[in-house]
Amino acid sequence: MADEKQVIIDYLKSKEKVKSKHYFKDFLELFPDKGPRQVKKILSDLVKEGVVEYWSSGSTTMYGLTGSGKQGHVGDQV
């Protein structure tokens, strides 16, 4: 599963300058041979490890690298 985690990390880093948060369906496209549950488990493991974080608008849950994007630096502004 380490290889799959790295695929997700590389994908997020490659898109970081354009888009910091991604829909679950974006990750399904990375693994056409895996089902949604398998991809969700990989993402959940990355969240538990602190590499990826959830972001929710209330109706939609998205994923991004921890600390990336505008919301990632809110705590830094004191």
PDB file of N, CA and C in Angstrom:
ATOM      1  N   MET A   1       0.820  -1.199   0.000  1.00  0.00           N
ATOM      2  CA  MET A   1       0.000   0.000   0.000  1.00  0.00           C
ATOM      3  C   MET A   1       0.860   1.259   0.000  1.00  0.00           C
ATOM      4  N   ALA A   2       2.123   1.138   0.317  1.00  0.00           N
ATOM      5  CA  ALA A   2       3.010   2.309   0.313  1.00  0.00           C
ATOM      6  C   ALA A   2       3.094   2.941  -1.073  1.00  0.00           C
ATOM      7  N   ASP A   3       3.071   2.103  -2.098  1.00  0.00           N
ATOM      8  CA  ASP A   3       3.120   2.625  -3.471  1.00  0.00           C
ATOM      9  C   ASP A   3       1.875   3.446  -3.795  1.00  0.00           C
ATOM     10  N   GLU A   4       0.714   2.964  -3.365  1.00  0.00           N
ATOM     11  CA  GLU A   4      -0.531   3.683  -3.622  1.00  0.00           C
ATOM     12  C   GLU A   4      -0.542   5.024  -2.881  1.00  0.00           C
ATOM     13  N   LYS A   5      -0.048   5.010  -1.651  1.00  0.00           N
ATOM     14  CA  LYS A   5       0.027   6.258  -0.879  1.00  0.00           C
ATOM     15  C   LYS A   5       0.918   7.262  -1.600  1.00  0.00           C
ATOM     16  N   GLN A   6       2.027   6.794  -2.126  1.00  0.00           N
ATOM     17  CA  GLN A   6       2.952   7.682  -2.828  1.00  0.00           C
ATOM     18  C   GLN A   6       2.323   8.243  -4.093  1.00  0.00           C
ATOM     19  N   VAL A   7       1.506   7.449  -4.776  1.00  0.00           N
ATOM     20  CA  VAL A   7       0.797   7.931  -5.974  1.00  0.00           C
ATOM     21  C   VAL A   7      -0.091   9.117  -5.595  1.00  0.00           C
ATOM     22  N   ILE A   8      -0.805   9.003  -4.486  1.00  0.00           N
ATOM     23  CA  ILE A   8      -1.683  10.082  -4.034  1.00  0.00           C
ATOM     24  C   ILE A   8      -0.873  11.310  -3.640  1.00  0.00           C
ATOM     25  N   ILE A   9       0.200  11.122  -2.901  1.00  0.00           N
ATOM     26  CA  ILE A   9       1.049  12.245  -2.477  1.00  0.00           C
ATOM     27  C   ILE A   9       1.644  12.951  -3.692  1.00  0.00           C
ATOM     28  N   ASP A  10       2.154  12.182  -4.646  1.00  0.00           N
ATOM     29  CA  ASP A  10       2.727  12.772  -5.862  1.00  0.00           C
ATOM     30  C   ASP A  10       1.678  13.541  -6.654  1.00  0.00           C
ATOM     31  N   TYR A  11       0.481  12.989  -6.726  1.00  0.00           N
ATOM     32  CA  TYR A  11      -0.621  13.662  -7.435  1.00  0.00           C
ATOM     33  C   TYR A  11      -0.937  15.000  -6.763  1.00  0.00           C
ATOM     34  N   LEU A  12      -1.084  14.982  -5.453  1.00  0.00           N
ATOM     35  CA  LEU A  12      -1.409  16.212  -4.728  1.00  0.00           C
ATOM     36  C   LEU A  12      -0.306  17.263  -4.871  1.00  0.00           C
ATOM     37  N   LYS A  13       0.931  16.828  -4.803  1.00  0.00           N
ATOM     38  CA  LYS A  13       2.055  17.772  -4.949  1.00  0.00           C
ATOM     39  C   LYS A  13       2.113  18.341  -6.362  1.00  0.00           C
ATOM     40  N   SER A  14       1.788  17.526  -7.356  1.00  0.00           N
ATOM     41  CA  SER A  14       1.852  18.000  -8.743  1.00  0.00           C
ATOM     42  C   SER A  14       0.752  19.024  -9.044  1.00  0.00           C
ATOM     43  N   LYS A  15      -0.331  18.983  -8.310  1.00  0.00           N
ATOM     44  CA  LYS A  15      -1.455  19.886  -8.528  1.00  0.00           C
ATOM     45  C   LYS A  15      -1.484  21.055  -7.534  1.00  0.00           C
ATOM     46  N   GLU A  16      -0.539  21.077  -6.609  1.00  0.00           N
ATOM     47  CA  GLU A  16      -0.551  22.019  -5.486  1.00  0.00           C
ATOM     48  C   GLU A  16      -0.659  23.489  -5.896  1.00  0.00           C
ATOM     49  N   LYS A  17       0.019  23.891  -6.954  1.00  0.00           N
ATOM     50  CA  LYS A  17       0.003  25.296  -7.366  1.00  0.00           C
ATOM     51  C   LYS A  17      -1.314  25.688  -8.039  1.00  0.00           C
ATOM     52  N   VAL A  18      -2.026  24.709  -8.570  1.00  0.00           N
ATOM     53  CA  VAL A  18      -3.271  24.968  -9.278  1.00  0.00           C
ATOM     54  C   VAL A  18      -4.485  24.801  -8.364  1.00  0.00           C
ATOM     55  N   LYS A  19      -4.460  23.753  -7.564  1.00  0.00           N
ATOM     56  CA  LYS A  19      -5.632  23.399  -6.763  1.00  0.00           C
ATOM     57  C   LYS A  19      -5.147  22.665  -5.515  1.00  0.00           C
ATOM     58  N   SER A  20      -5.567  23.128  -4.336  1.00  0.00           N
ATOM     59  CA  SER A  20      -5.075  22.509  -3.106  1.00  0.00           C
ATOM     60  C   SER A  20      -6.017  21.448  -2.534  1.00  0.00           C
ATOM     61  N   LYS A  21      -7.279  21.468  -2.938  1.00  0.00           N
ATOM     62  CA  LYS A  21      -8.259  20.501  -2.440  1.00  0.00           C
ATOM     63  C   LYS A  21      -8.859  19.723  -3.607  1.00  0.00           C
ATOM     64  N   HIS A  22      -9.084  18.437  -3.377  1.00  0.00           N
ATOM     65  CA  HIS A  22      -9.540  17.562  -4.453  1.00  0.00           C
ATOM     66  C   HIS A  22     -10.707  16.693  -3.988  1.00  0.00           C
ATOM     67  N   TYR A  23     -11.613  16.436  -4.920  1.00  0.00           N
ATOM     68  CA  TYR A  23     -12.753  15.564  -4.654  1.00  0.00           C
ATOM     69  C   TYR A  23     -12.306  14.107  -4.607  1.00  0.00           C
ATOM     70  N   PHE A  24     -13.078  13.293  -3.916  1.00  0.00           N
ATOM     71  CA  PHE A  24     -12.801  11.865  -3.828  1.00  0.00           C
ATOM     72  C   PHE A  24     -12.727  11.233  -5.225  1.00  0.00           C
ATOM     73  N   LYS A  25     -13.610  11.676  -6.128  1.00  0.00           N
ATOM     74  CA  LYS A  25     -13.628  11.092  -7.482  1.00  0.00           C
ATOM     75  C   LYS A  25     -12.310  11.329  -8.220  1.00  0.00           C
ATOM     76  N   ASP A  26     -11.584  12.388  -7.867  1.00  0.00           N
ATOM     77  CA  ASP A  26     -10.285  12.640  -8.492  1.00  0.00           C
ATOM     78  C   ASP A  26      -9.309  11.506  -8.192  1.00  0.00           C
ATOM     79  N   PHE A  27      -9.419  10.948  -6.990  1.00  0.00           N
ATOM     80  CA  PHE A  27      -8.518   9.867  -6.598  1.00  0.00           C
ATOM     81  C   PHE A  27      -8.943   8.534  -7.206  1.00  0.00           C
ATOM     82  N   LEU A  28     -10.229   8.368  -7.439  1.00  0.00           N
ATOM     83  CA  LEU A  28     -10.702   7.142  -8.092  1.00  0.00           C
ATOM     84  C   LEU A  28     -10.090   7.015  -9.477  1.00  0.00           C
ATOM     85  N   GLU A  29      -9.906   8.141 -10.155  1.00  0.00           N
ATOM     86  CA  GLU A  29      -9.323   8.138 -11.496  1.00  0.00           C
ATOM     87  C   GLU A  29      -7.855   7.686 -11.480  1.00  0.00           C
ATOM     88  N   LEU A  30      -7.182   7.854 -10.351  1.00  0.00           N
ATOM     89  CA  LEU A  30      -5.789   7.424 -10.236  1.00  0.00           C
ATOM     90  C   LEU A  30      -5.664   5.906 -10.145  1.00  0.00           C
ATOM     91  N   PHE A  31      -6.738   5.254  -9.683  1.00  0.00           N
ATOM     92  CA  PHE A  31      -6.721   3.807  -9.467  1.00  0.00           C
ATOM     93  C   PHE A  31      -7.916   3.146 -10.143  1.00  0.00           C
ATOM     94  N   PRO A  32      -7.923   3.094 -11.473  1.00  0.00           N
ATOM     95  CA  PRO A  32      -9.077   2.526 -12.178  1.00  0.00           C
ATOM     96  C   PRO A  32      -9.319   1.049 -11.866  1.00  0.00           C
ATOM     97  N   ASP A  33      -8.290   0.357 -11.374  1.00  0.00           N
ATOM     98  CA  ASP A  33      -8.425  -1.073 -11.068  1.00  0.00           C
ATOM     99  C   ASP A  33      -8.895  -1.331  -9.644  1.00  0.00           C
ATOM    100  N   LYS A  34      -9.085  -0.268  -8.847  1.00  0.00           N
ATOM    101  CA  LYS A  34      -9.513  -0.430  -7.455  1.00  0.00           C
ATOM    102  C   LYS A  34     -10.922   0.114  -7.270  1.00  0.00           C
ATOM    103  N   GLY A  35     -11.614  -0.461  -6.314  1.00  0.00           N
ATOM    104  CA  GLY A  35     -12.953   0.006  -5.991  1.00  0.00           C
ATOM    105  C   GLY A  35     -12.894   1.215  -5.055  1.00  0.00           C
ATOM    106  N   PRO A  36     -14.019   1.913  -4.897  1.00  0.00           N
ATOM    107  CA  PRO A  36     -14.068   3.098  -4.036  1.00  0.00           C
ATOM    108  C   PRO A  36     -13.652   2.824  -2.584  1.00  0.00           C
ATOM    109  N   ARG A  37     -14.021   1.672  -2.053  1.00  0.00           N
ATOM    110  CA  ARG A  37     -13.645   1.356  -0.662  1.00  0.00           C
ATOM    111  C   ARG A  37     -12.139   1.242  -0.494  1.00  0.00           C
ATOM    112  N   GLN A  38     -11.486   0.644  -1.482  1.00  0.00           N
ATOM    113  CA  GLN A  38     -10.030   0.485  -1.415  1.00  0.00           C
ATOM    114  C   GLN A  38      -9.342   1.847  -1.459  1.00  0.00           C
ATOM    115  N   VAL A  39      -9.812   2.720  -2.322  1.00  0.00           N
ATOM    116  CA  VAL A  39      -9.223   4.059  -2.443  1.00  0.00           C
ATOM    117  C   VAL A  39      -9.494   4.863  -1.166  1.00  0.00           C
ATOM    118  N   LYS A  40     -10.698   4.738  -0.622  1.00  0.00           N
ATOM    119  CA  LYS A  40     -11.058   5.434   0.611  1.00  0.00           C
ATOM    120  C   LYS A  40     -10.154   4.997   1.756  1.00  0.00           C
ATOM    121  N   LYS A  41      -9.812   3.713   1.811  1.00  0.00           N
ATOM    122  CA  LYS A  41      -8.929   3.207   2.868  1.00  0.00           C
ATOM    123  C   LYS A  41      -7.535   3.823   2.752  1.00  0.00           C
ATOM    124  N   ILE A  42      -7.027   3.933   1.543  1.00  0.00           N
ATOM    125  CA  ILE A  42      -5.710   4.539   1.332  1.00  0.00           C
ATOM    126  C   ILE A  42      -5.726   5.993   1.805  1.00  0.00           C
ATOM    127  N   LEU A  43      -6.768   6.732   1.409  1.00  0.00           N
ATOM    128  CA  LEU A  43      -6.892   8.133   1.829  1.00  0.00           C
ATOM    129  C   LEU A  43      -7.040   8.243   3.348  1.00  0.00           C
ATOM    130  N   SER A  44      -7.839   7.365   3.937  1.00  0.00           N
ATOM    131  CA  SER A  44      -8.037   7.391   5.392  1.00  0.00           C
ATOM    132  C   SER A  44      -6.736   7.130   6.133  1.00  0.00           C
ATOM    133  N   ASP A  45      -5.936   6.214   5.624  1.00  0.00           N
ATOM    134  CA  ASP A  45      -4.634   5.938   6.241  1.00  0.00           C
ATOM    135  C   ASP A  45      -3.731   7.171   6.167  1.00  0.00           C
ATOM    136  N   LEU A  46      -3.756   7.868   5.036  1.00  0.00           N
ATOM    137  CA  LEU A  46      -2.943   9.081   4.894  1.00  0.00           C
ATOM    138  C   LEU A  46      -3.434  10.184   5.840  1.00  0.00           C
ATOM    139  N   VAL A  47      -4.740  10.246   6.071  1.00  0.00           N
ATOM    140  CA  VAL A  47      -5.286  11.218   7.026  1.00  0.00           C
ATOM    141  C   VAL A  47      -4.830  10.868   8.438  1.00  0.00           C
ATOM    142  N   LYS A  48      -4.903   9.589   8.800  1.00  0.00           N
ATOM    143  CA  LYS A  48      -4.464   9.144  10.134  1.00  0.00           C
ATOM    144  C   LYS A  48      -2.988   9.450  10.359  1.00  0.00           C
ATOM    145  N   GLU A  49      -2.192   9.342   9.299  1.00  0.00           N
ATOM    146  CA  GLU A  49      -0.748   9.612   9.390  1.00  0.00           C
ATOM    147  C   GLU A  49      -0.442  11.106   9.405  1.00  0.00           C
ATOM    148  N   GLY A  50      -1.449  11.938   9.119  1.00  0.00           N
ATOM    149  CA  GLY A  50      -1.251  13.384   9.136  1.00  0.00           C
ATOM    150  C   GLY A  50      -0.687  13.959   7.847  1.00  0.00           C
ATOM    151  N   VAL A  51      -0.621  13.158   6.810  1.00  0.00           N
ATOM    152  CA  VAL A  51      -0.081  13.610   5.520  1.00  0.00           C
ATOM    153  C   VAL A  51      -1.148  14.357   4.721  1.00  0.00           C
ATOM    154  N   VAL A  52      -2.370  13.860   4.789  1.00  0.00           N
ATOM    155  CA  VAL A  52      -3.510  14.422   4.064  1.00  0.00           C
ATOM    156  C   VAL A  52      -4.543  14.845   5.099  1.00  0.00           C
ATOM    157  N   GLU A  53      -5.317  15.880   4.768  1.00  0.00           N
ATOM    158  CA  GLU A  53      -6.378  16.315   5.675  1.00  0.00           C
ATOM    159  C   GLU A  53      -7.695  16.439   4.924  1.00  0.00           C
ATOM    160  N   TYR A  54      -8.772  16.284   5.677  1.00  0.00           N
ATOM    161  CA  TYR A  54     -10.107  16.503   5.136  1.00  0.00           C
ATOM    162  C   TYR A  54     -10.388  17.996   5.136  1.00  0.00           C
ATOM    163  N   TRP A  55     -11.198  18.425   4.198  1.00  0.00           N
ATOM    164  CA  TRP A  55     -11.741  19.775   4.212  1.00  0.00           C
ATOM    165  C   TRP A  55     -13.206  19.642   3.827  1.00  0.00           C
ATOM    166  N   SER A  56     -14.075  20.258   4.607  1.00  0.00           N
ATOM    167  CA  SER A  56     -15.505  20.127   4.335  1.00  0.00           C
ATOM    168  C   SER A  56     -16.156  21.488   4.192  1.00  0.00           C
ATOM    169  N   SER A  57     -17.006  21.615   3.205  1.00  0.00           N
ATOM    170  CA  SER A  57     -17.774  22.841   3.002  1.00  0.00           C
ATOM    171  C   SER A  57     -19.136  22.713   3.684  1.00  0.00           C
ATOM    172  N   GLY A  58     -19.375  21.582   4.284  1.00  0.00           N
ATOM    173  CA  GLY A  58     -20.661  21.304   4.888  1.00  0.00           C
ATOM    174  C   GLY A  58     -21.444  20.309   4.061  1.00  0.00           C
ATOM    175  N   SER A  59     -21.320  20.394   2.767  1.00  0.00           N
ATOM    176  CA  SER A  59     -22.019  19.448   1.896  1.00  0.00           C
ATOM    177  C   SER A  59     -21.045  18.577   1.111  1.00  0.00           C
ATOM    178  N   THR A  60     -19.817  19.006   1.012  1.00  0.00           N
ATOM    179  CA  THR A  60     -18.812  18.285   0.226  1.00  0.00           C
ATOM    180  C   THR A  60     -17.546  18.103   1.046  1.00  0.00           C
ATOM    181  N   THR A  61     -16.988  16.910   0.989  1.00  0.00           N
ATOM    182  CA  THR A  61     -15.711  16.653   1.648  1.00  0.00           C
ATOM    183  C   THR A  61     -14.643  16.551   0.578  1.00  0.00           C
ATOM    184  N   MET A  62     -13.544  17.256   0.816  1.00  0.00           N
ATOM    185  CA  MET A  62     -12.429  17.231  -0.124  1.00  0.00           C
ATOM    186  C   MET A  62     -11.168  16.849   0.645  1.00  0.00           C
ATOM    187  N   TYR A  63     -10.120  16.561  -0.090  1.00  0.00           N
ATOM    188  CA  TYR A  63      -8.852  16.147   0.496  1.00  0.00           C
ATOM    189  C   TYR A  63      -7.732  17.029  -0.034  1.00  0.00           C
ATOM    190  N   GLY A  64      -6.738  17.272   0.816  1.00  0.00           N
ATOM    191  CA  GLY A  64      -5.568  18.023   0.401  1.00  0.00           C
ATOM    192  C   GLY A  64      -4.396  17.700   1.301  1.00  0.00           C
ATOM    193  N   LEU A  65      -3.214  18.085   0.880  1.00  0.00           N
ATOM    194  CA  LEU A  65      -2.044  17.903   1.730  1.00  0.00           C
ATOM    195  C   LEU A  65      -2.209  18.739   2.985  1.00  0.00           C
ATOM    196  N   THR A  66      -1.810  18.213   4.107  1.00  0.00           N
ATOM    197  CA  THR A  66      -1.945  18.925   5.369  1.00  0.00           C
ATOM    198  C   THR A  66      -1.207  20.255   5.303  1.00  0.00           C
ATOM    199  N   GLY A  67      -1.924  21.322   5.647  1.00  0.00           N
ATOM    200  CA  GLY A  67      -1.330  22.651   5.673  1.00  0.00           C
ATOM    201  C   GLY A  67      -1.305  23.385   4.346  1.00  0.00           C
ATOM    202  N   SER A  68      -1.821  22.780   3.289  1.00  0.00           N
ATOM    203  CA  SER A  68      -1.787  23.456   1.999  1.00  0.00           C
ATOM    204  C   SER A  68      -3.071  24.234   1.767  1.00  0.00           C
ATOM    205  N   GLY A  69      -3.001  25.224   0.913  1.00  0.00           N
ATOM    206  CA  GLY A  69      -4.193  26.015   0.593  1.00  0.00           C
ATOM    207  C   GLY A  69      -4.403  27.148   1.555  1.00  0.00           C
ATOM    208  N   LYS A  70      -5.382  27.972   1.275  1.00  0.00           N
ATOM    209  CA  LYS A  70      -5.668  29.152   2.092  1.00  0.00           C
ATOM    210  C   LYS A  70      -6.050  28.794   3.525  1.00  0.00           C
ATOM    211  N   GLN A  71      -6.889  27.782   3.698  1.00  0.00           N
ATOM    212  CA  GLN A  71      -7.330  27.390   5.023  1.00  0.00           C
ATOM    213  C   GLN A  71      -6.193  26.767   5.835  1.00  0.00           C
ATOM    214  N   GLY A  72      -5.187  26.267   5.186  1.00  0.00           N
ATOM    215  CA  GLY A  72      -4.083  25.626   5.870  1.00  0.00           C
ATOM    216  C   GLY A  72      -3.235  26.561   6.675  1.00  0.00           C
ATOM    217  N   HIS A  73      -3.288  27.864   6.381  1.00  0.00           N
ATOM    218  CA  HIS A  73      -2.421  28.819   7.058  1.00  0.00           C
ATOM    219  C   HIS A  73      -3.186  29.808   7.942  1.00  0.00           C
ATOM    220  N   VAL A  74      -4.452  29.543   8.219  1.00  0.00           N
ATOM    221  CA  VAL A  74      -5.282  30.439   9.022  1.00  0.00           C
ATOM    222  C   VAL A  74      -4.683  30.616  10.417  1.00  0.00           C
ATOM    223  N   GLY A  75      -4.214  29.547  11.019  1.00  0.00           N
ATOM    224  CA  GLY A  75      -3.634  29.620  12.357  1.00  0.00           C
ATOM    225  C   GLY A  75      -2.353  30.420  12.427  1.00  0.00           C
ATOM    226  N   ASP A  76      -1.694  30.620  11.305  1.00  0.00           N
ATOM    227  CA  ASP A  76      -0.435  31.367  11.265  1.00  0.00           C
ATOM    228  C   ASP A  76      -0.667  32.873  11.365  1.00  0.00           C
ATOM    229  N   GLN A  77      -1.892  33.332  11.110  1.00  0.00           N
ATOM    230  CA  GLN A  77      -2.176  34.757  11.096  1.00  0.00           C
ATOM    231  C   GLN A  77      -2.645  35.209  12.465  1.00  0.00           C
ATOM    232  N   VAL A  78      -1.744  35.707  13.268  1.00  0.00           N
ATOM    233  CA  VAL A  78      -2.106  36.156  14.625  1.00  0.00           C
ATOM    234  C   VAL A  78      -1.826  37.617  14.764  1.00  0.00           C
TER     235      VAL A  78
END
